[in-house]
Amino acid sequence: MERILIVDFGSQVTQLIARRVRESGVYCELVPFNKAQTAFTEFAPQAVILSGGPAVLSDEAERASMDGAAPAIPQNILASGIPLLGICYGQQAMCVQLGGQVEKSAKREFGRAELTIKADSPLFADIASVGETMNVWMSHGDRVTELPAGFRIIASSEHAPYAAIADEARHYYGVQFHPEVVHTPAGAAILRNFTHKIAGCAGGWTMANYRTRAIARLREQIGEGRVICALSGGVDSSVVAVLLHEAIGSQLTCVYVDTGFMRAGESEEVVSLFRNHYNIKLVHKQAADLFLDRLAGVTEPEQKRKIIGASFIDIFEAEAKAIGGADFLAQGTLYPDVIESMSFTGSPTATIKSHHNVGGLPERMNMELVEPLRELFKDEVRALGRELGLSQAFIGRHPFPGPGLAIRIPDSHPRGGR
């Protein structure tokens, strides 16, 4: 399978790079820069994209420490000979590590800028010709001021003379602007040129392919085991349930937990919809008293998440015993859940939030997690749902996380109403 590795240097929009690449039909994964050396070897990508980030390479002390804790491109990636695309900080890091120069810009560019094409390049093929301009989105205080050997300018802006650069012999490219954001209208096409024309990807990754592969993996992982699926009625858990039922049939039991913090009529709607559409075993667990008691007086959202996550685990453990034992717990963890819960030493990106689906299971449960959507974004889950024939009532449901209204209610009082 064709694949692209995205190295995350801490940009707030790195996920958008992955979204654009997948939309072009190429599978990709995102990895923190300090885990990229190992991930590159294991993932074996066709090409690598280096994200932006907040680090400042014009600072002499930080630049001198690039072989230490400051964000740097792993040497095994630079020496691999596969195509590279550096975006913003990724471009600057590539230039510094290959012998170029980065300095603080006399005028920081933030927002819309006009890019002028200076030379023919496959990066801009069928988008703009030499001398033409296009709108792009900039966000930088540093800029490249001296290119490494082998590079040339292919586009510039008023305050960034090296706004796009290329070493065609090595298939190394760098852009100072952000092609992943919608404010760069031709950005998706630029990324597609990199993945398809430069990296040679055909773009055959589809939800039909993913469905076939996911079912095969589920059957291999589960074997003859029994699975309980945490069903919330949202599109994520519903897709997991239908996918699992297609893979293992009667080995599956779904558990819907009424936490007492659902929207009005939510539980009745979910149970009715699911039982009317699918012949899948469903347990409807009334647990409002448990959640209301445990959350009484708790106001801090992160603490609520932890209490709610632990309470779900307790309920699923009890339900597994009630059906005579289960070997696996299935849940609708998505790729953004994993990314947002990530925190790694030396990264400029802090944890955005914890997620009740991320973190594993207590050893006492003696069950393994099944997370068939862990690689997917929300829009991809909806596409997979359509591929599975899921009812539009589930695909189109307004997103509503497992913790329900508990996170949105400032204070939780026992017996305080639902």
Protein backbone atom coordinates (compact mmCIF):
# COMPACT_ATOMS: atom_id res chain seq x y z
CA MET A 1 0.00 0.00 0.00
CA GLU A 2 1.28 3.46 -0.90
CA ARG A 3 1.98 5.59 2.13
CA ILE A 4 3.30 9.01 3.10
CA LEU A 5 4.83 9.82 6.49
CA ILE A 6 4.17 13.27 7.96
CA VAL A 7 6.68 14.45 10.56
CA ASP A 8 5.02 16.78 13.07
CA PHE A 9 7.08 19.72 14.33
CA GLY A 10 4.20 21.15 16.35
CA SER A 11 2.10 23.13 13.89
CA GLN A 12 -1.51 23.66 14.91
CA VAL A 13 -2.60 22.65 11.40
CA THR A 14 -0.49 19.53 10.88
CA GLN A 15 -3.62 17.35 10.87
CA LEU A 16 -4.78 19.24 7.79
CA ILE A 17 -1.76 17.96 5.85
CA ALA A 18 -2.89 14.41 6.55
CA ARG A 19 -6.46 15.28 5.57
CA ARG A 20 -5.39 16.71 2.21
CA VAL A 21 -3.08 13.79 1.43
CA ARG A 22 -5.77 11.23 2.21
CA GLU A 23 -8.34 13.17 0.19
CA SER A 24 -6.03 12.65 -2.81
CA GLY A 25 -6.28 8.87 -2.30
CA VAL A 26 -2.94 8.30 -0.57
CA TYR A 27 -2.74 6.78 2.90
CA CYS A 28 -0.58 8.69 5.36
CA GLU A 29 0.21 8.83 9.06
CA LEU A 30 1.47 11.57 11.34
CA VAL A 31 4.32 11.06 13.80
CA PRO A 32 6.03 13.42 16.31
CA PHE A 33 9.49 14.52 15.17
CA ASN A 34 11.18 12.82 18.11
CA LYS A 35 9.66 9.46 17.14
CA ALA A 36 10.17 9.88 13.40
CA GLN A 37 13.48 8.03 13.16
CA THR A 38 11.97 4.72 14.26
CA ALA A 39 8.60 5.35 12.61
CA PHE A 40 10.29 6.01 9.25
CA THR A 41 12.00 2.63 9.31
CA GLU A 42 8.85 0.77 10.37
CA PHE A 43 6.42 2.65 8.11
CA ALA A 44 8.58 2.51 4.94
CA PRO A 45 6.89 5.46 3.19
CA GLN A 46 7.11 6.52 -0.45
CA ALA A 47 7.81 10.10 0.67
CA VAL A 48 7.96 12.33 3.75
CA ILE A 49 6.29 15.66 4.47
CA LEU A 50 7.81 17.87 7.18
CA SER A 51 5.25 20.05 8.94
CA GLY A 52 5.48 23.60 10.21
CA GLY A 53 6.04 24.44 13.86
CA PRO A 54 6.68 27.27 16.32
CA ALA A 55 10.44 26.74 16.85
CA VAL A 56 12.81 29.57 15.83
CA LEU A 57 15.91 28.57 13.88
CA SER A 58 17.26 32.13 13.54
CA ASP A 59 18.25 31.94 17.23
CA GLU A 60 21.93 30.93 17.29
CA ALA A 61 21.67 28.90 20.51
CA GLU A 62 18.69 26.93 19.25
CA ARG A 63 20.30 26.36 15.86
CA ALA A 64 23.47 25.10 17.52
CA SER A 65 21.45 22.54 19.44
CA MET A 66 19.70 21.00 16.43
CA ASP A 67 21.51 17.74 17.09
CA GLY A 68 20.15 17.83 20.64
CA ALA A 69 16.68 18.62 21.96
CA ALA A 70 15.55 21.19 19.39
CA PRO A 71 13.32 19.90 16.56
CA ALA A 72 15.38 18.32 13.82
CA ILE A 73 14.81 16.05 10.85
CA PRO A 74 16.19 12.55 11.62
CA GLN A 75 19.30 11.80 9.60
CA ASN A 76 17.91 8.50 8.32
CA ILE A 77 15.15 10.48 6.59
CA LEU A 78 17.54 13.02 5.06
CA ALA A 79 19.81 10.22 3.84
CA SER A 80 17.01 7.99 2.52
CA GLY A 81 16.87 9.31 -1.03
CA ILE A 82 13.05 9.44 -1.05
CA PRO A 83 11.12 12.65 -1.89
CA LEU A 84 10.81 15.25 0.88
CA LEU A 85 8.52 18.25 1.17
CA GLY A 86 9.24 20.76 3.93
CA ILE A 87 6.46 23.15 4.94
CA CYS A 88 7.33 26.41 6.79
CA TYR A 89 9.52 25.22 9.71
CA GLY A 90 10.02 21.95 7.82
CA GLN A 91 11.53 23.90 4.93
CA GLN A 92 13.76 25.90 7.27
CA ALA A 93 14.99 22.83 9.16
CA MET A 94 15.79 21.07 5.87
CA CYS A 95 17.79 24.07 4.66
CA VAL A 96 19.77 24.49 7.90
CA GLN A 97 20.58 20.77 8.17
CA LEU A 98 21.70 20.64 4.53
CA GLY A 99 23.99 23.68 4.80
CA GLY A 100 21.71 26.64 4.09
CA GLN A 101 20.91 29.69 6.19
CA VAL A 102 17.80 30.88 8.07
CA GLU A 103 17.47 34.37 9.54
CA LYS A 104 14.80 36.43 11.25
CA SER A 105 12.66 38.14 8.66
CA ALA A 106 12.67 41.96 8.61
CA LYS A 107 8.89 41.76 8.26
CA ARG A 108 6.97 38.79 9.59
CA GLU A 109 4.41 37.45 7.15
CA PHE A 110 1.12 36.33 8.64
CA GLY A 111 -1.93 35.94 6.46
CA ARG A 112 -2.50 36.18 2.75
CA ALA A 113 0.49 36.71 0.46
CA GLU A 114 1.02 36.72 -3.28
CA LEU A 115 3.33 34.03 -4.58
CA THR A 116 5.11 34.54 -7.91
CA ILE A 117 6.26 31.46 -9.85
CA LYS A 118 9.92 31.86 -10.81
CA ALA A 119 10.74 28.53 -12.49
CA ASP A 120 9.02 25.48 -13.93
CA SER A 121 8.58 22.74 -11.36
CA PRO A 122 6.43 19.63 -10.99
CA LEU A 123 5.27 21.09 -7.65
CA PHE A 124 3.26 23.74 -9.53
CA ALA A 125 2.46 21.69 -12.65
CA ASP A 126 -1.02 22.42 -14.08
CA ILE A 127 -1.50 25.08 -11.37
CA ALA A 128 0.55 28.12 -12.40
CA SER A 129 3.23 28.91 -14.98
CA VAL A 130 6.38 31.01 -14.72
CA GLY A 131 5.51 34.65 -14.10
CA GLU A 132 2.01 33.90 -12.85
CA THR A 133 0.89 34.56 -9.28
CA MET A 134 -1.29 32.77 -6.76
CA ASN A 135 -2.59 33.51 -3.29
CA VAL A 136 -1.04 31.57 -0.41
CA TRP A 137 -1.18 31.68 3.39
CA MET A 138 1.97 32.62 5.29
CA SER A 139 2.76 32.35 9.00
CA HIS A 140 6.44 32.85 9.81
CA GLY A 141 8.95 35.12 11.50
CA ASP A 142 12.07 33.41 10.11
CA ARG A 143 12.89 32.99 6.45
CA VAL A 144 15.47 31.14 4.38
CA THR A 145 18.23 33.51 3.23
CA GLU A 146 20.75 31.07 1.75
CA LEU A 147 20.00 27.82 -0.06
CA PRO A 148 21.90 24.56 0.41
CA ALA A 149 23.90 23.28 -2.55
CA GLY A 150 21.69 21.85 -5.29
CA PHE A 151 18.59 23.93 -4.53
CA ARG A 152 17.05 26.68 -6.63
CA ILE A 153 14.22 29.17 -6.20
CA ILE A 154 10.93 28.14 -7.83
CA ALA A 155 8.67 30.80 -6.25
CA SER A 156 8.93 33.91 -4.08
CA SER A 157 6.79 36.43 -2.24
CA GLU A 158 7.41 40.06 -1.29
CA HIS A 159 9.04 39.24 2.03
CA ALA A 160 10.17 35.64 1.39
CA PRO A 161 12.53 35.42 -1.62
CA TYR A 162 12.83 31.66 -1.10
CA ALA A 163 9.10 31.02 -0.63
CA ALA A 164 9.37 27.78 -2.64
CA ILE A 165 12.58 25.91 -3.40
CA ALA A 166 13.54 22.67 -5.09
CA ASP A 167 16.42 20.26 -5.53
CA GLU A 168 14.97 18.18 -8.36
CA ALA A 169 17.93 15.80 -8.46
CA ARG A 170 17.16 14.63 -4.92
CA HIS A 171 13.40 15.30 -5.09
CA TYR A 172 13.65 17.71 -2.15
CA TYR A 173 11.12 20.55 -2.04
CA GLY A 174 10.32 23.26 0.46
CA VAL A 175 7.62 25.91 0.77
CA GLN A 176 7.46 28.75 3.29
CA PHE A 177 3.67 29.00 3.00
CA HIS A 178 1.00 26.54 4.20
CA PRO A 179 -0.58 24.54 1.34
CA GLU A 180 -2.70 22.51 3.77
CA VAL A 181 -5.04 25.37 4.78
CA VAL A 182 -8.05 26.50 2.75
CA HIS A 183 -6.58 30.02 2.61
CA THR A 184 -4.13 28.65 0.03
CA PRO A 185 -6.71 27.92 -2.72
CA ALA A 186 -4.35 25.74 -4.80
CA GLY A 187 -2.83 24.07 -1.74
CA ALA A 188 -4.52 20.70 -2.15
CA ALA A 189 -3.36 20.59 -5.77
CA ILE A 190 0.21 21.43 -4.70
CA LEU A 191 0.21 18.58 -2.17
CA ARG A 192 -1.29 16.27 -4.78
CA ASN A 193 1.50 17.19 -7.20
CA PHE A 194 4.02 16.22 -4.54
CA THR A 195 2.37 12.89 -3.70
CA HIS A 196 1.44 11.90 -7.26
CA LYS A 197 3.86 13.58 -9.71
CA ILE A 198 6.95 13.72 -7.49
CA ALA A 199 6.51 10.74 -5.15
CA GLY A 200 4.82 8.64 -7.85
CA CYS A 201 1.75 7.59 -5.86
CA ALA A 202 -1.25 6.38 -7.87
CA GLY A 203 -3.81 7.36 -5.24
CA GLY A 204 -5.75 4.12 -4.91
CA TRP A 205 -6.58 4.29 -1.20
CA THR A 206 -10.39 4.11 -0.85
CA MET A 207 -12.93 3.24 1.81
CA ALA A 208 -13.82 0.10 -0.14
CA ASN A 209 -10.21 -1.04 0.18
CA TYR A 210 -10.13 -0.03 3.83
CA ARG A 211 -13.32 -1.99 4.55
CA THR A 212 -11.87 -5.18 3.08
CA ARG A 213 -8.58 -4.76 4.92
CA ALA A 214 -10.26 -3.84 8.24
CA ILE A 215 -12.54 -6.88 8.18
CA ALA A 216 -9.61 -9.18 7.49
CA ARG A 217 -7.62 -7.63 10.35
CA LEU A 218 -10.57 -7.91 12.75
CA ARG A 219 -11.05 -11.59 11.98
CA GLU A 220 -7.34 -12.22 12.48
CA GLN A 221 -7.23 -10.28 15.76
CA ILE A 222 -10.44 -11.66 17.29
CA GLY A 223 -10.52 -15.23 16.01
CA GLU A 224 -13.22 -17.10 17.94
CA GLY A 225 -13.24 -14.57 20.79
CA ARG A 226 -16.23 -12.60 22.05
CA VAL A 227 -16.45 -8.82 21.79
CA ILE A 228 -18.44 -6.15 23.58
CA CYS A 229 -18.75 -2.87 21.69
CA ALA A 230 -19.16 0.47 23.45
CA LEU A 231 -22.10 1.95 21.52
CA SER A 232 -22.96 5.65 21.94
CA GLY A 233 -25.23 6.00 18.92
CA GLY A 234 -22.84 8.38 17.20
CA VAL A 235 -21.44 7.63 13.78
CA ASP A 236 -18.09 6.36 15.14
CA SER A 237 -19.37 3.61 17.42
CA SER A 238 -22.17 2.73 14.99
CA VAL A 239 -19.69 2.17 12.18
CA VAL A 240 -17.53 0.06 14.53
CA ALA A 241 -20.55 -2.06 15.46
CA VAL A 242 -21.65 -2.68 11.86
CA LEU A 243 -18.08 -3.37 10.72
CA LEU A 244 -17.59 -5.84 13.57
CA HIS A 245 -20.91 -7.55 12.89
CA GLU A 246 -19.88 -8.04 9.27
CA ALA A 247 -16.56 -9.48 10.43
CA ILE A 248 -17.58 -11.72 13.37
CA GLY A 249 -21.40 -11.89 13.45
CA SER A 250 -22.89 -13.31 16.66
CA GLN A 251 -19.60 -13.02 18.58
CA LEU A 252 -20.51 -9.35 19.08
CA THR A 253 -22.61 -7.76 21.83
CA CYS A 254 -23.14 -3.98 21.86
CA VAL A 255 -23.55 -2.08 25.14
CA TYR A 256 -25.26 1.32 25.21
CA VAL A 257 -24.67 3.17 28.49
CA ASP A 258 -27.19 5.82 29.56
CA THR A 259 -24.98 8.12 31.66
CA GLY A 260 -27.75 10.51 32.65
CA PHE A 261 -25.93 13.25 30.76
CA MET A 262 -27.45 12.68 27.35
CA ARG A 263 -29.53 15.10 25.30
CA ALA A 264 -33.29 14.92 25.81
CA GLY A 265 -34.64 11.74 24.20
CA GLU A 266 -31.14 10.69 23.14
CA SER A 267 -31.12 7.24 24.72
CA GLU A 268 -34.56 6.25 23.46
CA GLU A 269 -33.64 7.40 19.96
CA VAL A 270 -30.35 5.53 19.86
CA VAL A 271 -31.78 2.26 21.16
CA SER A 272 -34.79 2.43 18.86
CA LEU A 273 -32.75 3.29 15.77
CA PHE A 274 -30.20 0.59 16.39
CA ARG A 275 -32.66 -2.19 17.20
CA ASN A 276 -34.86 -1.30 14.23
CA HIS A 277 -31.99 -1.24 11.71
CA TYR A 278 -29.65 -4.01 12.83
CA ASN A 279 -30.00 -7.53 14.12
CA ILE A 280 -27.14 -7.08 16.58
CA LYS A 281 -27.31 -8.01 20.27
CA LEU A 282 -27.74 -4.81 22.28
CA VAL A 283 -27.64 -4.24 26.05
CA HIS A 284 -29.19 -0.97 27.24
CA LYS A 285 -27.51 -0.14 30.57
CA GLN A 286 -29.18 2.43 32.85
CA ALA A 287 -26.31 4.02 34.76
CA ALA A 288 -27.43 7.58 35.50
CA ASP A 289 -27.23 7.13 39.28
CA LEU A 290 -23.64 5.88 39.08
CA PHE A 291 -22.43 8.79 36.93
CA LEU A 292 -24.38 11.45 38.84
CA ASP A 293 -22.97 10.25 42.17
CA ARG A 294 -19.37 10.06 40.97
CA LEU A 295 -19.47 13.50 39.32
CA ALA A 296 -21.20 15.29 42.19
CA GLY A 297 -19.39 18.57 42.87
CA VAL A 298 -16.71 17.99 40.21
CA THR A 299 -16.22 21.06 38.00
CA GLU A 300 -12.83 20.63 36.31
CA PRO A 301 -13.38 19.20 32.77
CA GLU A 302 -10.21 17.09 32.68
CA GLN A 303 -11.08 15.50 36.02
CA LYS A 304 -14.58 14.79 34.69
CA ARG A 305 -13.11 13.05 31.65
CA LYS A 306 -11.05 10.75 33.86
CA ILE A 307 -14.00 9.92 36.16
CA ILE A 308 -16.28 9.25 33.20
CA GLY A 309 -13.68 7.09 31.46
CA ALA A 310 -13.11 5.01 34.60
CA SER A 311 -16.89 4.62 35.10
CA PHE A 312 -17.34 3.36 31.55
CA ILE A 313 -14.59 0.80 32.17
CA ASP A 314 -16.32 -0.41 35.35
CA ILE A 315 -19.62 -0.85 33.49
CA PHE A 316 -18.10 -2.66 30.53
CA GLU A 317 -16.23 -4.98 32.90
CA ALA A 318 -19.50 -5.85 34.64
CA GLU A 319 -21.37 -6.36 31.36
CA ALA A 320 -18.62 -8.61 30.04
CA LYS A 321 -19.07 -10.85 33.08
CA ALA A 322 -22.85 -10.75 32.67
CA ILE A 323 -22.67 -12.26 29.17
CA GLY A 324 -20.33 -15.00 30.35
CA GLY A 325 -17.06 -13.26 29.62
CA ALA A 326 -15.62 -11.25 26.73
CA ASP A 327 -12.15 -11.25 25.25
CA PHE A 328 -12.24 -7.84 23.59
CA LEU A 329 -13.68 -4.34 24.09
CA ALA A 330 -14.36 -2.45 20.87
CA GLN A 331 -14.63 1.33 20.74
CA GLY A 332 -14.77 4.13 18.18
CA THR A 333 -11.36 5.71 18.73
CA LEU A 334 -10.47 8.00 15.81
CA TYR A 335 -7.11 9.28 14.58
CA PRO A 336 -7.68 12.82 15.96
CA ASP A 337 -8.42 11.29 19.41
CA VAL A 338 -4.97 9.73 19.36
CA ILE A 339 -3.22 12.85 18.06
CA GLU A 340 -4.95 15.22 20.48
CA SER A 341 -4.13 12.99 23.45
CA MET A 342 -0.47 12.82 22.47
CA SER A 343 2.24 14.51 24.53
CA PHE A 344 5.92 13.86 23.96
CA THR A 345 9.11 15.15 25.50
CA GLY A 346 10.74 18.00 23.63
CA SER A 347 7.72 18.64 21.43
CA PRO A 348 6.44 22.16 20.88
CA THR A 349 2.96 20.66 20.81
CA ALA A 350 1.37 20.05 24.19
CA THR A 351 -1.51 17.64 24.76
CA ILE A 352 -4.69 19.30 23.48
CA LYS A 353 -6.87 17.14 25.71
CA SER A 354 -7.11 13.63 27.01
CA HIS A 355 -9.73 11.39 25.46
CA HIS A 356 -11.86 8.80 27.20
CA ASN A 357 -11.10 6.32 24.40
CA VAL A 358 -7.32 6.70 24.61
CA GLY A 359 -5.07 5.18 27.24
CA GLY A 360 -5.68 1.45 27.24
CA LEU A 361 -7.54 -0.82 29.64
CA PRO A 362 -6.80 -1.79 33.25
CA GLU A 363 -4.97 -5.12 33.48
CA ARG A 364 -7.70 -6.53 35.74
CA MET A 365 -10.15 -6.53 32.81
CA ASN A 366 -8.19 -9.20 30.99
CA MET A 367 -9.51 -7.88 27.67
CA GLU A 368 -7.85 -6.43 24.60
CA LEU A 369 -8.95 -3.29 22.81
CA VAL A 370 -10.37 -3.43 19.29
CA GLU A 371 -10.18 -0.05 17.54
CA PRO A 372 -10.82 -0.48 13.81
CA LEU A 373 -11.23 3.28 13.18
CA ARG A 374 -8.05 4.37 14.95
CA GLU A 375 -6.46 5.35 11.62
CA LEU A 376 -9.41 7.40 10.31
CA PHE A 377 -10.64 11.00 10.43
CA LYS A 378 -14.32 11.75 11.01
CA ASP A 379 -15.17 12.37 7.36
CA GLU A 380 -13.49 9.07 6.47
CA VAL A 381 -15.61 7.29 9.08
CA ARG A 382 -18.74 8.71 7.46
CA ALA A 383 -17.48 7.51 4.06
CA LEU A 384 -16.86 4.05 5.52
CA GLY A 385 -20.37 4.10 7.00
CA ARG A 386 -21.82 4.78 3.57
CA GLU A 387 -19.66 1.98 2.15
CA LEU A 388 -21.13 -0.36 4.80
CA GLY A 389 -24.68 0.74 3.97
CA LEU A 390 -25.18 2.45 7.34
CA SER A 391 -28.45 4.33 7.68
CA GLN A 392 -28.26 8.08 7.07
CA ALA A 393 -29.85 8.49 10.49
CA PHE A 394 -26.52 7.36 11.98
CA ILE A 395 -24.15 8.88 9.41
CA GLY A 396 -25.77 12.30 9.72
CA ARG A 397 -26.10 12.38 13.50
CA HIS A 398 -24.70 15.48 15.17
CA PRO A 399 -21.39 14.56 16.84
CA PHE A 400 -21.83 13.93 20.55
CA PRO A 401 -19.00 12.42 22.60
CA GLY A 402 -19.40 9.65 25.16
CA PRO A 403 -19.09 11.97 28.19
CA GLY A 404 -22.22 13.69 26.94
CA LEU A 405 -23.31 16.94 28.54
CA ALA A 406 -21.25 16.28 31.67
CA ILE A 407 -18.26 18.14 30.20
CA ARG A 408 -20.45 21.10 29.22
CA ILE A 409 -22.29 21.41 32.53
CA PRO A 410 -20.19 23.58 34.91
CA ASP A 411 -21.31 21.71 38.05
CA SER A 412 -22.84 18.27 38.52
CA HIS A 413 -25.15 17.64 41.49
CA PRO A 414 -26.51 14.24 42.51
CA ARG A 415 -30.15 13.81 41.49
CA GLY A 416 -29.90 17.20 39.84
CA GLY A 417 -32.02 16.25 36.87
CA ARG A 418 -31.15 14.91 33.44
